[in-house]
Amino acid sequence: MNSNIRFIVLIAVIFSAFVSCNSTRKLSKVDEATMAENTEIEFPYNAIGYWEGEISIFQDTGFVQKVPMALDIFEIGEAKEYAWHIIYNPGKEEDRREYLLIEVDKETGHYQIDEDNGIVLDAYLLDNKLISSFSVSNSSLQTINTFFQDDMVFEVIAGPQEAINTTGNMKVEGETVPPVESYKLTTYQRAILKKVRG
């Protein structure tokens, strides 16, 4: 068995063990199995609307807080461009972050989120998930926006960019095992948002 096949088999075994160990956990807030039945969406058109809920913030030390949150997506005058406004504490004292969603290549699911400050994040649509992976100030972040017909899940995963552990990088039974780096995760944010209009 060559090293690439051995590595793929190892990842599959670890993933299977993880799924089986967590299969009895209760789902929070909403029945995600029901949401998963409604994944037939056309992006970005079915994502257009005003989504509202609460975001829960966790750190490696535990739960931090919940904050009201909204995501406002709407068409603007330019073709293939959409407003992408993330709002914390919607209402009188809201913190609205006005970004722009740009369609780069719909065939490959390539989009960009322009923060209008010189920062442009590339994002990719995989199934019904718009995913962006980037680094800033020695931190790595992933944002995952999972869209259903009337619900969406907004997630942020973050941690230091520097690896905390490197394993592999050796020969086993004459086969070369590649080095594999592991990274610490320190922050997880998750919101389940309901489409309230649009």
N, C-alpha and C. Protein backbone atom coordinates (compact mmCIF):
# COMPACT_ATOMS: atom_id res chain seq x y z
N MET A 1 0.86 -1.19 0.00
CA MET A 1 0.00 0.00 0.00
C MET A 1 0.89 1.24 0.00
N ASN A 2 0.72 2.12 -0.99
CA ASN A 2 1.60 3.29 -1.01
C ASN A 2 1.17 4.30 0.05
N SER A 3 2.04 5.29 0.28
CA SER A 3 1.83 6.21 1.40
C SER A 3 0.59 7.05 1.24
N ASN A 4 0.24 7.44 0.00
CA ASN A 4 -0.96 8.26 -0.20
C ASN A 4 -2.22 7.50 0.15
N ILE A 5 -2.31 6.22 -0.27
CA ILE A 5 -3.48 5.41 0.04
C ILE A 5 -3.56 5.17 1.54
N ARG A 6 -2.40 4.89 2.17
CA ARG A 6 -2.37 4.66 3.62
C ARG A 6 -2.87 5.90 4.37
N PHE A 7 -2.49 7.08 3.91
CA PHE A 7 -2.90 8.32 4.55
C PHE A 7 -4.41 8.53 4.41
N ILE A 8 -4.96 8.26 3.22
CA ILE A 8 -6.40 8.43 2.99
C ILE A 8 -7.20 7.47 3.86
N VAL A 9 -6.72 6.21 3.97
CA VAL A 9 -7.40 5.22 4.82
C VAL A 9 -7.38 5.67 6.27
N LEU A 10 -6.25 6.22 6.75
CA LEU A 10 -6.14 6.69 8.12
C LEU A 10 -7.14 7.80 8.40
N ILE A 11 -7.25 8.76 7.49
CA ILE A 11 -8.22 9.87 7.65
C ILE A 11 -9.64 9.32 7.70
N ALA A 12 -9.96 8.35 6.83
CA ALA A 12 -11.32 7.77 6.80
C ALA A 12 -11.64 7.08 8.12
N VAL A 13 -10.67 6.36 8.71
CA VAL A 13 -10.90 5.66 9.98
C VAL A 13 -11.13 6.67 11.10
N ILE A 14 -10.31 7.73 11.14
CA ILE A 14 -10.46 8.75 12.17
C ILE A 14 -11.83 9.42 12.05
N PHE A 15 -12.25 9.75 10.82
CA PHE A 15 -13.53 10.40 10.60
C PHE A 15 -14.68 9.51 11.03
N SER A 16 -14.61 8.20 10.71
CA SER A 16 -15.66 7.26 11.10
C SER A 16 -15.78 7.16 12.60
N ALA A 17 -14.65 7.13 13.29
CA ALA A 17 -14.67 7.06 14.75
C ALA A 17 -15.28 8.31 15.35
N PHE A 18 -14.94 9.47 14.76
CA PHE A 18 -15.49 10.73 15.24
C PHE A 18 -17.01 10.77 15.10
N VAL A 19 -17.50 10.36 13.93
CA VAL A 19 -18.95 10.37 13.69
C VAL A 19 -19.66 9.44 14.64
N SER A 20 -19.13 8.22 14.84
CA SER A 20 -19.80 7.26 15.70
C SER A 20 -19.80 7.72 17.15
N CYS A 21 -18.76 8.40 17.58
CA CYS A 21 -18.70 8.87 18.97
C CYS A 21 -19.67 10.02 19.22
N ASN A 22 -20.03 10.76 18.18
CA ASN A 22 -20.86 11.94 18.36
C ASN A 22 -22.28 11.75 17.86
N SER A 23 -22.64 10.54 17.46
CA SER A 23 -23.95 10.33 16.85
C SER A 23 -25.10 10.48 17.83
N THR A 24 -24.83 10.40 19.16
CA THR A 24 -25.91 10.49 20.13
C THR A 24 -26.09 11.90 20.68
N ARG A 25 -25.29 12.85 20.24
CA ARG A 25 -25.43 14.22 20.73
C ARG A 25 -26.74 14.84 20.26
N LYS A 26 -27.37 15.62 21.15
CA LYS A 26 -28.59 16.30 20.76
C LYS A 26 -28.25 17.51 19.90
N LEU A 27 -29.09 17.78 18.92
CA LEU A 27 -28.91 18.96 18.10
C LEU A 27 -29.51 20.16 18.82
N SER A 28 -28.83 21.29 18.73
CA SER A 28 -29.30 22.46 19.44
C SER A 28 -30.13 23.36 18.55
N LYS A 29 -31.09 24.00 19.15
CA LYS A 29 -31.87 25.07 18.55
C LYS A 29 -32.85 24.65 17.47
N VAL A 30 -32.42 23.78 16.59
CA VAL A 30 -33.26 23.47 15.43
C VAL A 30 -32.92 22.06 14.96
N ASP A 31 -33.88 21.40 14.36
CA ASP A 31 -33.66 20.06 13.85
C ASP A 31 -32.90 20.17 12.53
N GLU A 32 -31.58 19.95 12.57
CA GLU A 32 -30.77 20.13 11.37
C GLU A 32 -31.03 19.05 10.33
N ALA A 33 -31.56 17.91 10.77
CA ALA A 33 -31.94 16.89 9.79
C ALA A 33 -33.07 17.40 8.92
N THR A 34 -34.00 18.11 9.53
CA THR A 34 -35.10 18.70 8.77
C THR A 34 -34.59 19.78 7.84
N MET A 35 -33.66 20.60 8.33
CA MET A 35 -33.08 21.63 7.48
C MET A 35 -32.38 21.00 6.29
N ALA A 36 -31.69 19.88 6.53
CA ALA A 36 -30.91 19.24 5.48
C ALA A 36 -31.77 18.70 4.35
N GLU A 37 -33.06 18.51 4.61
CA GLU A 37 -33.96 18.05 3.55
C GLU A 37 -34.23 19.17 2.54
N ASN A 38 -33.90 20.39 2.93
CA ASN A 38 -34.22 21.55 2.09
C ASN A 38 -32.95 22.22 1.58
N THR A 39 -32.07 21.42 0.98
CA THR A 39 -30.79 21.96 0.51
C THR A 39 -30.82 22.38 -0.95
N GLU A 40 -31.94 22.14 -1.63
CA GLU A 40 -32.01 22.50 -3.04
C GLU A 40 -32.17 24.01 -3.17
N ILE A 41 -31.06 24.70 -3.32
CA ILE A 41 -31.11 26.15 -3.47
C ILE A 41 -30.31 26.56 -4.69
N GLU A 42 -30.63 27.69 -5.22
CA GLU A 42 -29.83 28.28 -6.30
C GLU A 42 -29.15 29.51 -5.73
N PHE A 43 -27.85 29.42 -5.63
CA PHE A 43 -27.07 30.51 -5.03
C PHE A 43 -26.59 31.46 -6.13
N PRO A 44 -26.65 32.76 -5.91
CA PRO A 44 -27.02 33.44 -4.67
C PRO A 44 -28.50 33.81 -4.56
N TYR A 45 -29.31 33.47 -5.57
CA TYR A 45 -30.68 33.99 -5.62
C TYR A 45 -31.51 33.56 -4.42
N ASN A 46 -31.43 32.29 -4.01
CA ASN A 46 -32.20 31.84 -2.86
C ASN A 46 -31.64 32.34 -1.53
N ALA A 47 -30.43 32.87 -1.57
CA ALA A 47 -29.83 33.42 -0.35
C ALA A 47 -30.24 34.87 -0.12
N ILE A 48 -30.79 35.51 -1.12
CA ILE A 48 -31.19 36.90 -0.98
C ILE A 48 -32.31 37.01 0.05
N GLY A 49 -32.14 37.92 1.01
CA GLY A 49 -33.14 38.12 2.04
C GLY A 49 -32.49 38.62 3.32
N TYR A 50 -33.32 38.74 4.34
CA TYR A 50 -32.87 39.20 5.65
C TYR A 50 -32.96 38.02 6.61
N TRP A 51 -31.82 37.60 7.13
CA TRP A 51 -31.71 36.43 8.01
C TRP A 51 -31.41 36.91 9.42
N GLU A 52 -32.10 36.34 10.40
CA GLU A 52 -31.97 36.87 11.76
C GLU A 52 -31.93 35.74 12.79
N GLY A 53 -31.16 35.94 13.86
CA GLY A 53 -31.07 34.95 14.93
C GLY A 53 -30.08 35.42 15.98
N GLU A 54 -29.40 34.46 16.61
CA GLU A 54 -28.39 34.76 17.62
C GLU A 54 -27.13 33.99 17.30
N ILE A 55 -26.00 34.62 17.57
CA ILE A 55 -24.73 33.92 17.39
C ILE A 55 -24.16 33.57 18.77
N SER A 56 -23.74 32.31 18.92
CA SER A 56 -23.10 31.85 20.15
C SER A 56 -21.60 31.83 19.93
N ILE A 57 -20.86 32.35 20.90
CA ILE A 57 -19.41 32.47 20.79
C ILE A 57 -18.76 31.57 21.84
N PHE A 58 -17.87 30.70 21.38
CA PHE A 58 -17.15 29.78 22.26
C PHE A 58 -15.66 30.00 22.09
N GLN A 59 -14.93 29.89 23.18
CA GLN A 59 -13.47 29.87 23.13
C GLN A 59 -12.98 28.56 23.74
N ASP A 60 -11.68 28.31 23.69
CA ASP A 60 -11.17 27.05 24.20
C ASP A 60 -11.42 26.90 25.70
N THR A 61 -11.76 27.99 26.37
CA THR A 61 -12.08 27.93 27.81
C THR A 61 -13.58 27.70 28.05
N GLY A 62 -14.39 27.71 26.96
CA GLY A 62 -15.82 27.46 27.11
C GLY A 62 -16.68 28.53 26.47
N PHE A 63 -17.98 28.49 26.80
CA PHE A 63 -18.95 29.43 26.25
C PHE A 63 -18.64 30.85 26.72
N VAL A 64 -18.76 31.82 25.79
CA VAL A 64 -18.48 33.22 26.13
C VAL A 64 -19.78 34.02 26.21
N GLN A 65 -20.53 34.07 25.12
CA GLN A 65 -21.76 34.86 25.12
C GLN A 65 -22.58 34.59 23.87
N LYS A 66 -23.84 35.07 23.91
CA LYS A 66 -24.71 35.08 22.74
C LYS A 66 -25.00 36.53 22.37
N VAL A 67 -25.06 36.77 21.07
CA VAL A 67 -25.30 38.12 20.59
C VAL A 67 -26.34 38.06 19.47
N PRO A 68 -27.35 38.92 19.48
CA PRO A 68 -28.28 38.98 18.35
C PRO A 68 -27.53 39.31 17.07
N MET A 69 -27.93 38.68 15.98
CA MET A 69 -27.20 38.83 14.72
C MET A 69 -28.15 38.75 13.55
N ALA A 70 -27.79 39.39 12.46
CA ALA A 70 -28.55 39.29 11.22
C ALA A 70 -27.58 39.33 10.04
N LEU A 71 -28.04 38.78 8.93
CA LEU A 71 -27.31 38.85 7.66
C LEU A 71 -28.29 39.35 6.62
N ASP A 72 -27.95 40.47 6.00
CA ASP A 72 -28.83 41.11 5.02
C ASP A 72 -28.17 41.01 3.65
N ILE A 73 -28.79 40.22 2.76
CA ILE A 73 -28.25 40.02 1.41
C ILE A 73 -29.28 40.55 0.42
N PHE A 74 -28.85 41.46 -0.44
CA PHE A 74 -29.79 41.99 -1.42
C PHE A 74 -29.05 42.41 -2.68
N GLU A 75 -29.82 42.44 -3.78
CA GLU A 75 -29.25 42.83 -5.07
C GLU A 75 -28.99 44.33 -5.08
N ILE A 76 -27.90 44.70 -5.75
CA ILE A 76 -27.63 46.12 -5.98
C ILE A 76 -27.60 46.33 -7.49
N GLY A 77 -27.32 47.53 -7.90
CA GLY A 77 -27.42 47.85 -9.32
C GLY A 77 -26.47 47.09 -10.23
N GLU A 78 -25.29 46.75 -9.71
CA GLU A 78 -24.28 46.12 -10.55
C GLU A 78 -24.58 44.64 -10.77
N ALA A 79 -24.34 44.17 -12.00
CA ALA A 79 -24.53 42.75 -12.29
C ALA A 79 -23.52 41.92 -11.53
N LYS A 80 -23.96 40.77 -11.02
CA LYS A 80 -23.09 39.82 -10.32
C LYS A 80 -22.50 40.39 -9.03
N GLU A 81 -23.14 41.39 -8.44
CA GLU A 81 -22.72 41.94 -7.16
C GLU A 81 -23.94 42.05 -6.24
N TYR A 82 -23.73 41.72 -4.96
CA TYR A 82 -24.82 41.71 -3.99
C TYR A 82 -24.31 42.31 -2.68
N ALA A 83 -25.19 43.05 -2.02
CA ALA A 83 -24.86 43.52 -0.67
C ALA A 83 -24.79 42.32 0.25
N TRP A 84 -23.80 42.32 1.14
CA TRP A 84 -23.60 41.24 2.11
C TRP A 84 -23.31 41.94 3.44
N HIS A 85 -24.38 42.25 4.18
CA HIS A 85 -24.24 43.03 5.40
C HIS A 85 -24.40 42.13 6.62
N ILE A 86 -23.35 42.06 7.43
CA ILE A 86 -23.40 41.33 8.69
C ILE A 86 -23.73 42.34 9.79
N ILE A 87 -24.75 42.04 10.58
CA ILE A 87 -25.24 42.99 11.58
C ILE A 87 -25.24 42.32 12.95
N TYR A 88 -24.55 42.94 13.89
CA TYR A 88 -24.59 42.49 15.28
C TYR A 88 -25.46 43.47 16.07
N ASN A 89 -26.28 42.95 16.98
CA ASN A 89 -27.23 43.75 17.74
C ASN A 89 -28.14 44.59 16.83
N PRO A 90 -28.89 43.93 15.92
CA PRO A 90 -29.78 44.68 15.02
C PRO A 90 -30.70 45.60 15.82
N GLY A 91 -30.87 46.81 15.33
CA GLY A 91 -31.74 47.77 16.02
C GLY A 91 -31.05 49.11 16.18
N LYS A 92 -31.34 49.77 17.30
CA LYS A 92 -30.85 51.13 17.50
C LYS A 92 -29.33 51.22 17.62
N GLU A 93 -28.70 50.25 18.29
CA GLU A 93 -27.26 50.31 18.50
C GLU A 93 -26.54 49.23 17.70
N GLU A 94 -27.02 49.00 16.49
CA GLU A 94 -26.48 47.90 15.70
C GLU A 94 -25.08 48.21 15.16
N ASP A 95 -24.32 47.14 15.01
CA ASP A 95 -23.00 47.21 14.40
C ASP A 95 -23.14 46.54 13.03
N ARG A 96 -23.30 47.36 11.98
CA ARG A 96 -23.52 46.86 10.63
C ARG A 96 -22.22 46.91 9.85
N ARG A 97 -21.82 45.76 9.31
CA ARG A 97 -20.59 45.67 8.51
C ARG A 97 -21.00 45.44 7.07
N GLU A 98 -20.84 46.46 6.26
CA GLU A 98 -21.37 46.46 4.90
C GLU A 98 -20.32 45.95 3.92
N TYR A 99 -20.46 44.68 3.57
CA TYR A 99 -19.56 44.05 2.62
C TYR A 99 -20.28 43.85 1.29
N LEU A 100 -19.51 43.40 0.30
CA LEU A 100 -20.04 43.18 -1.03
C LEU A 100 -19.72 41.75 -1.46
N LEU A 101 -20.73 41.02 -1.91
CA LEU A 101 -20.53 39.67 -2.44
C LEU A 101 -20.42 39.78 -3.96
N ILE A 102 -19.32 39.27 -4.51
CA ILE A 102 -19.05 39.39 -5.94
C ILE A 102 -18.97 38.00 -6.55
N GLU A 103 -19.71 37.79 -7.62
CA GLU A 103 -19.62 36.52 -8.35
C GLU A 103 -18.43 36.59 -9.30
N VAL A 104 -17.43 35.74 -9.08
CA VAL A 104 -16.24 35.71 -9.92
C VAL A 104 -16.41 34.69 -11.04
N ASP A 105 -16.79 33.46 -10.69
CA ASP A 105 -16.98 32.39 -11.66
C ASP A 105 -18.02 31.41 -11.11
N LYS A 106 -19.24 31.55 -11.59
CA LYS A 106 -20.33 30.72 -11.07
C LYS A 106 -20.11 29.24 -11.37
N GLU A 107 -19.47 28.92 -12.48
CA GLU A 107 -19.23 27.53 -12.86
C GLU A 107 -18.40 26.80 -11.81
N THR A 108 -17.39 27.47 -11.28
CA THR A 108 -16.52 26.84 -10.28
C THR A 108 -16.91 27.23 -8.85
N GLY A 109 -17.99 28.00 -8.70
CA GLY A 109 -18.43 28.40 -7.37
C GLY A 109 -17.52 29.40 -6.70
N HIS A 110 -16.80 30.20 -7.49
CA HIS A 110 -15.85 31.16 -6.95
C HIS A 110 -16.52 32.52 -6.75
N TYR A 111 -16.49 32.99 -5.49
CA TYR A 111 -17.04 34.30 -5.14
C TYR A 111 -15.99 35.06 -4.34
N GLN A 112 -16.23 36.33 -4.14
CA GLN A 112 -15.38 37.15 -3.28
C GLN A 112 -16.26 37.99 -2.37
N ILE A 113 -15.76 38.23 -1.16
CA ILE A 113 -16.42 39.15 -0.24
C ILE A 113 -15.48 40.33 -0.05
N ASP A 114 -15.92 41.49 -0.55
CA ASP A 114 -15.13 42.71 -0.52
C ASP A 114 -15.54 43.50 0.73
N GLU A 115 -14.59 43.72 1.64
CA GLU A 115 -14.89 44.42 2.88
C GLU A 115 -14.81 45.94 2.73
N ASP A 116 -14.51 46.42 1.52
CA ASP A 116 -14.47 47.85 1.22
C ASP A 116 -13.42 48.60 2.05
N ASN A 117 -12.33 47.90 2.37
CA ASN A 117 -11.23 48.55 3.09
C ASN A 117 -9.88 48.03 2.58
N GLY A 118 -9.90 47.50 1.35
CA GLY A 118 -8.70 46.92 0.78
C GLY A 118 -8.61 45.42 0.99
N ILE A 119 -9.49 44.85 1.83
CA ILE A 119 -9.50 43.41 2.08
C ILE A 119 -10.58 42.75 1.21
N VAL A 120 -10.17 41.77 0.42
CA VAL A 120 -11.10 40.99 -0.41
C VAL A 120 -10.84 39.52 -0.11
N LEU A 121 -11.86 38.83 0.38
CA LEU A 121 -11.73 37.42 0.76
C LEU A 121 -12.34 36.54 -0.33
N ASP A 122 -11.57 35.56 -0.79
CA ASP A 122 -12.11 34.60 -1.75
C ASP A 122 -12.95 33.56 -1.01
N ALA A 123 -14.05 33.17 -1.64
CA ALA A 123 -14.96 32.18 -1.05
C ALA A 123 -15.41 31.23 -2.15
N TYR A 124 -15.73 29.99 -1.75
CA TYR A 124 -16.11 28.97 -2.72
C TYR A 124 -17.39 28.29 -2.28
N LEU A 125 -18.29 28.12 -3.23
CA LEU A 125 -19.56 27.45 -2.99
C LEU A 125 -19.37 25.95 -3.22
N LEU A 126 -19.49 25.16 -2.16
CA LEU A 126 -19.39 23.71 -2.23
C LEU A 126 -20.71 23.16 -1.71
N ASP A 127 -21.48 22.52 -2.60
CA ASP A 127 -22.85 22.11 -2.29
C ASP A 127 -23.62 23.36 -1.89
N ASN A 128 -24.18 23.42 -0.69
CA ASN A 128 -24.92 24.61 -0.27
C ASN A 128 -24.14 25.41 0.78
N LYS A 129 -22.81 25.28 0.76
CA LYS A 129 -21.96 25.99 1.72
C LYS A 129 -21.04 26.98 1.00
N LEU A 130 -21.07 28.22 1.44
CA LEU A 130 -20.12 29.22 0.96
C LEU A 130 -19.00 29.30 2.00
N ILE A 131 -17.79 28.90 1.60
CA ILE A 131 -16.69 28.73 2.55
C ILE A 131 -15.53 29.64 2.16
N SER A 132 -14.98 30.30 3.16
CA SER A 132 -13.81 31.15 2.95
C SER A 132 -12.75 30.75 3.97
N SER A 133 -11.50 30.67 3.53
CA SER A 133 -10.38 30.31 4.41
C SER A 133 -9.28 31.34 4.21
N PHE A 134 -8.84 31.96 5.31
CA PHE A 134 -7.85 33.03 5.18
C PHE A 134 -7.08 33.17 6.48
N SER A 135 -6.03 33.99 6.44
CA SER A 135 -5.24 34.25 7.64
C SER A 135 -5.02 35.74 7.79
N VAL A 136 -4.93 36.16 9.05
CA VAL A 136 -4.68 37.57 9.36
C VAL A 136 -4.01 37.63 10.74
N SER A 137 -2.96 38.43 10.85
CA SER A 137 -2.27 38.65 12.13
C SER A 137 -1.93 37.34 12.83
N ASN A 138 -1.34 36.41 12.08
CA ASN A 138 -0.90 35.11 12.63
C ASN A 138 -2.04 34.23 13.12
N SER A 139 -3.27 34.51 12.65
CA SER A 139 -4.41 33.65 12.95
C SER A 139 -5.00 33.12 11.65
N SER A 140 -5.46 31.87 11.68
CA SER A 140 -6.15 31.28 10.54
C SER A 140 -7.64 31.24 10.85
N LEU A 141 -8.45 31.54 9.85
CA LEU A 141 -9.89 31.56 10.04
C LEU A 141 -10.58 30.86 8.88
N GLN A 142 -11.69 30.23 9.19
CA GLN A 142 -12.61 29.71 8.19
C GLN A 142 -14.01 30.22 8.51
N THR A 143 -14.68 30.71 7.49
CA THR A 143 -16.09 31.07 7.65
C THR A 143 -16.90 30.12 6.77
N ILE A 144 -17.97 29.59 7.32
CA ILE A 144 -18.82 28.64 6.60
C ILE A 144 -20.26 29.12 6.71
N ASN A 145 -20.86 29.43 5.57
CA ASN A 145 -22.25 29.85 5.51
C ASN A 145 -23.04 28.76 4.79
N THR A 146 -23.87 28.03 5.55
CA THR A 146 -24.64 26.92 4.99
C THR A 146 -26.08 27.37 4.78
N PHE A 147 -26.51 27.36 3.52
CA PHE A 147 -27.84 27.87 3.19
C PHE A 147 -28.83 26.75 2.96
N PHE A 148 -30.01 26.89 3.57
CA PHE A 148 -31.16 26.04 3.31
C PHE A 148 -32.26 26.95 2.76
N GLN A 149 -33.44 26.42 2.56
CA GLN A 149 -34.49 27.25 1.96
C GLN A 149 -34.92 28.39 2.88
N ASP A 150 -35.11 28.09 4.17
CA ASP A 150 -35.60 29.12 5.09
C ASP A 150 -34.69 29.32 6.29
N ASP A 151 -33.59 28.59 6.34
CA ASP A 151 -32.65 28.68 7.45
C ASP A 151 -31.23 28.74 6.90
N MET A 152 -30.33 29.24 7.71
CA MET A 152 -28.92 29.18 7.36
C MET A 152 -28.11 29.03 8.64
N VAL A 153 -26.92 28.42 8.51
CA VAL A 153 -26.00 28.29 9.63
C VAL A 153 -24.75 29.09 9.29
N PHE A 154 -24.40 30.01 10.17
CA PHE A 154 -23.24 30.89 10.01
C PHE A 154 -22.20 30.43 11.02
N GLU A 155 -21.00 30.06 10.55
CA GLU A 155 -19.96 29.56 11.45
C GLU A 155 -18.63 30.23 11.17
N VAL A 156 -17.88 30.44 12.24
CA VAL A 156 -16.51 30.94 12.15
C VAL A 156 -15.64 30.05 13.04
N ILE A 157 -14.52 29.57 12.48
CA ILE A 157 -13.57 28.74 13.22
C ILE A 157 -12.21 29.43 13.12
N ALA A 158 -11.53 29.60 14.26
CA ALA A 158 -10.27 30.35 14.23
C ALA A 158 -9.27 29.79 15.22
N GLY A 159 -8.01 30.04 14.93
CA GLY A 159 -6.92 29.63 15.81
C GLY A 159 -5.60 30.15 15.29
N PRO A 160 -4.53 29.98 16.06
CA PRO A 160 -3.20 30.45 15.62
C PRO A 160 -2.77 29.77 14.33
N GLN A 161 -2.03 30.50 13.51
CA GLN A 161 -1.58 30.00 12.22
C GLN A 161 -0.42 29.02 12.36
N GLU A 162 0.31 29.11 13.46
CA GLU A 162 1.49 28.26 13.65
C GLU A 162 1.09 26.87 14.12
N ALA A 163 1.68 25.85 13.52
CA ALA A 163 1.38 24.46 13.89
C ALA A 163 1.84 24.19 15.32
N ILE A 164 1.03 23.39 16.05
CA ILE A 164 1.42 23.02 17.42
C ILE A 164 2.03 21.62 17.47
N ASN A 165 1.90 20.87 16.38
CA ASN A 165 2.41 19.51 16.39
C ASN A 165 2.66 19.06 14.95
N THR A 166 3.76 18.38 14.72
CA THR A 166 4.05 17.80 13.41
C THR A 166 4.38 16.32 13.63
N THR A 167 3.63 15.46 12.95
CA THR A 167 3.87 14.02 13.06
C THR A 167 4.08 13.46 11.66
N GLY A 168 4.32 12.15 11.60
CA GLY A 168 4.66 11.55 10.32
C GLY A 168 6.11 11.84 9.98
N ASN A 169 6.37 12.12 8.71
CA ASN A 169 7.73 12.47 8.25
C ASN A 169 8.72 11.36 8.61
N MET A 170 8.32 10.12 8.27
CA MET A 170 9.17 8.97 8.59
C MET A 170 8.88 7.86 7.58
N LYS A 171 9.65 6.81 7.69
CA LYS A 171 9.41 5.63 6.85
C LYS A 171 8.78 4.55 7.72
N VAL A 172 7.72 3.94 7.21
CA VAL A 172 7.05 2.83 7.89
C VAL A 172 6.92 1.69 6.90
N GLU A 173 7.55 0.57 7.22
CA GLU A 173 7.54 -0.60 6.35
C GLU A 173 7.98 -0.24 4.93
N GLY A 174 9.00 0.60 4.85
CA GLY A 174 9.56 0.97 3.56
C GLY A 174 8.81 2.07 2.83
N GLU A 175 7.67 2.52 3.39
CA GLU A 175 6.88 3.57 2.75
C GLU A 175 7.12 4.90 3.47
N THR A 176 7.20 5.97 2.69
CA THR A 176 7.41 7.30 3.27
C THR A 176 6.08 7.88 3.71
N VAL A 177 5.99 8.24 4.99
CA VAL A 177 4.80 8.90 5.54
C VAL A 177 5.06 10.40 5.52
N PRO A 178 4.19 11.19 4.88
CA PRO A 178 4.44 12.63 4.79
C PRO A 178 4.25 13.31 6.14
N PRO A 179 4.93 14.45 6.34
CA PRO A 179 4.70 15.20 7.59
C PRO A 179 3.28 15.78 7.60
N VAL A 180 2.64 15.71 8.75
CA VAL A 180 1.29 16.26 8.92
C VAL A 180 1.31 17.23 10.10
N GLU A 181 0.87 18.47 9.85
CA GLU A 181 0.86 19.49 10.89
C GLU A 181 -0.54 19.63 11.48
N SER A 182 -0.61 19.80 12.80
CA SER A 182 -1.88 20.02 13.51
C SER A 182 -1.89 21.45 14.05
N TYR A 183 -3.10 22.01 14.14
CA TYR A 183 -3.24 23.41 14.56
C TYR A 183 -4.23 23.53 15.71
N LYS A 184 -3.93 24.42 16.63
CA LYS A 184 -4.82 24.68 17.75
C LYS A 184 -6.01 25.52 17.27
N LEU A 185 -7.20 25.18 17.76
CA LEU A 185 -8.39 25.96 17.49
C LEU A 185 -8.82 26.62 18.79
N THR A 186 -9.03 27.93 18.75
CA THR A 186 -9.32 28.67 19.97
C THR A 186 -10.69 29.32 19.99
N THR A 187 -11.31 29.47 18.82
CA THR A 187 -12.58 30.19 18.75
C THR A 187 -13.54 29.51 17.80
N TYR A 188 -14.78 29.40 18.23
CA TYR A 188 -15.85 28.88 17.37
C TYR A 188 -17.08 29.74 17.58
N GLN A 189 -17.63 30.25 16.48
CA GLN A 189 -18.86 31.04 16.54
C GLN A 189 -19.90 30.36 15.65
N ARG A 190 -21.14 30.31 16.13
CA ARG A 190 -22.18 29.61 15.38
C ARG A 190 -23.52 30.30 15.59
N ALA A 191 -24.19 30.55 14.47
CA ALA A 191 -25.53 31.13 14.52
C ALA A 191 -26.44 30.35 13.59
N ILE A 192 -27.66 30.11 14.05
CA ILE A 192 -28.70 29.58 13.18
C ILE A 192 -29.66 30.72 12.91
N LEU A 193 -29.73 31.11 11.65
CA LEU A 193 -30.52 32.28 11.26
C LEU A 193 -31.74 31.84 10.44
N LYS A 194 -32.85 32.54 10.69
CA LYS A 194 -34.10 32.30 9.96
C LYS A 194 -34.30 33.42 8.96
N LYS A 195 -34.78 33.06 7.77
CA LYS A 195 -35.11 34.11 6.80
C LYS A 195 -36.44 34.75 7.22
N VAL A 196 -36.39 36.02 7.56
CA VAL A 196 -37.60 36.69 8.03
C VAL A 196 -38.26 37.51 6.92
N ARG A 197 -37.50 37.81 5.89
CA ARG A 197 -38.10 38.45 4.71
C ARG A 197 -37.15 38.29 3.54
N GLY A 198 -37.73 38.44 2.33
CA GLY A 198 -36.90 38.39 1.13
C GLY A 198 -37.10 37.22 0.26
